[in-house]
Amino acid sequence: IGRIVNSQKGTISINGHTDSRPFRSDTYDNWRLSTARAHSAYYMLVRGGVDERRITEVAGFADRQPKDAADPLAAANRRIEILMATGG
């Protein structure tokens, strides 16, 4: 993925998401889980050679922006988005 991202110019935003299944532990809830997913992708991109200065946003959205709104528990809602703004 790092090679693909590096083949494009522009800034990068990384968003983490969860489904609506309640997730609770001593250290995590859906907000923290989605943010941790985004941060994990950030670290992997940087390890893959992406210049961290290009990454302008790392955010978690919990279950607030489902990909499949008809099925709040759908696996498609548990995702990481890497968004690239190429300008222009």
Protein backbone atom coordinates (compact mmCIF):
# COMPACT_ATOMS: atom_id res chain seq x y z
CA ILE A 1 0.00 0.00 0.00
CA GLY A 2 2.88 2.35 0.79
CA ARG A 3 4.16 2.03 -2.79
CA ILE A 4 0.74 2.83 -4.20
CA VAL A 5 0.35 5.84 -1.91
CA ASN A 6 3.85 7.04 -2.78
CA SER A 7 3.05 6.87 -6.48
CA GLN A 8 0.54 9.70 -5.95
CA LYS A 9 1.20 13.24 -4.79
CA GLY A 10 -0.86 15.12 -2.24
CA THR A 11 -1.96 14.96 1.35
CA ILE A 12 -3.42 11.96 3.13
CA SER A 13 -6.21 11.55 5.68
CA ILE A 14 -6.69 8.27 7.51
CA ASN A 15 -10.08 7.43 9.03
CA GLY A 16 -10.96 4.48 11.23
CA HIS A 17 -14.50 3.11 11.60
CA THR A 18 -16.37 0.41 13.54
CA ASP A 19 -19.73 -1.27 13.21
CA SER A 20 -22.43 -0.43 15.75
CA ARG A 21 -21.80 -3.49 17.90
CA PRO A 22 -20.95 -2.13 21.37
CA PHE A 23 -17.30 -2.75 22.13
CA ARG A 24 -16.18 -2.19 25.67
CA SER A 25 -13.15 -3.20 27.61
CA ASP A 26 -11.09 -1.53 30.31
CA THR A 27 -9.16 0.41 27.68
CA TYR A 28 -11.33 0.52 24.55
CA ASP A 29 -14.74 1.51 23.31
CA ASN A 30 -15.81 2.02 19.67
CA TRP A 31 -14.34 5.53 19.59
CA ARG A 32 -10.94 4.40 20.82
CA LEU A 33 -11.03 1.29 18.64
CA SER A 34 -11.71 3.30 15.49
CA THR A 35 -8.99 5.80 16.39
CA ALA A 36 -6.54 2.97 17.11
CA ARG A 37 -7.31 1.46 13.70
CA ALA A 38 -6.51 4.76 12.01
CA HIS A 39 -3.29 5.17 13.99
CA SER A 40 -2.24 1.61 13.13
CA ALA A 41 -2.67 2.40 9.43
CA TYR A 42 -0.65 5.60 9.94
CA TYR A 43 2.26 3.68 11.47
CA MET A 44 2.16 1.04 8.74
CA LEU A 45 2.18 3.66 5.97
CA VAL A 46 5.13 5.46 7.55
CA ARG A 47 6.97 2.14 7.98
CA GLY A 48 6.20 1.50 4.31
CA GLY A 49 8.05 4.65 3.31
CA VAL A 50 5.28 7.26 3.19
CA ASP A 51 6.52 10.66 4.38
CA GLU A 52 4.64 11.35 7.60
CA ARG A 53 4.44 15.05 6.72
CA ARG A 54 1.96 14.13 3.98
CA ILE A 55 -0.47 12.70 6.52
CA THR A 56 -2.58 15.63 7.66
CA GLU A 57 -5.32 13.85 9.61
CA VAL A 58 -5.72 10.63 11.57
CA ALA A 59 -9.22 10.24 13.01
CA GLY A 60 -11.68 7.74 14.43
CA PHE A 61 -15.39 7.93 13.73
CA ALA A 62 -16.67 4.91 15.68
CA ASP A 63 -20.01 3.83 14.16
CA ARG A 64 -21.07 7.33 13.05
CA GLN A 65 -20.33 6.96 9.31
CA PRO A 66 -21.41 3.44 8.30
CA LYS A 67 -20.59 2.20 4.83
CA ASP A 68 -23.65 -0.06 4.96
CA ALA A 69 -26.29 1.96 6.81
CA ALA A 70 -28.92 -0.71 6.13
CA ASP A 71 -26.94 -3.20 8.24
CA PRO A 72 -25.22 -1.43 11.16
CA LEU A 73 -23.44 -4.68 12.12
CA ALA A 74 -22.04 -5.34 8.62
CA ALA A 75 -18.36 -6.16 8.33
CA ALA A 76 -18.07 -3.41 5.69
CA ASN A 77 -18.58 -0.87 8.47
CA ARG A 78 -15.39 -2.05 10.21
CA ARG A 79 -12.83 -0.38 8.02
CA ILE A 80 -9.95 2.01 7.53
CA GLU A 81 -10.13 4.67 4.83
CA ILE A 82 -7.01 6.20 3.30
CA LEU A 83 -8.12 9.36 1.52
CA MET A 84 -5.79 11.24 -0.77
CA ALA A 85 -6.22 14.86 -1.81
CA THR A 86 -4.20 15.45 -4.94
CA GLY A 87 -5.18 19.09 -5.30
CA GLY A 88 -6.05 20.75 -8.46
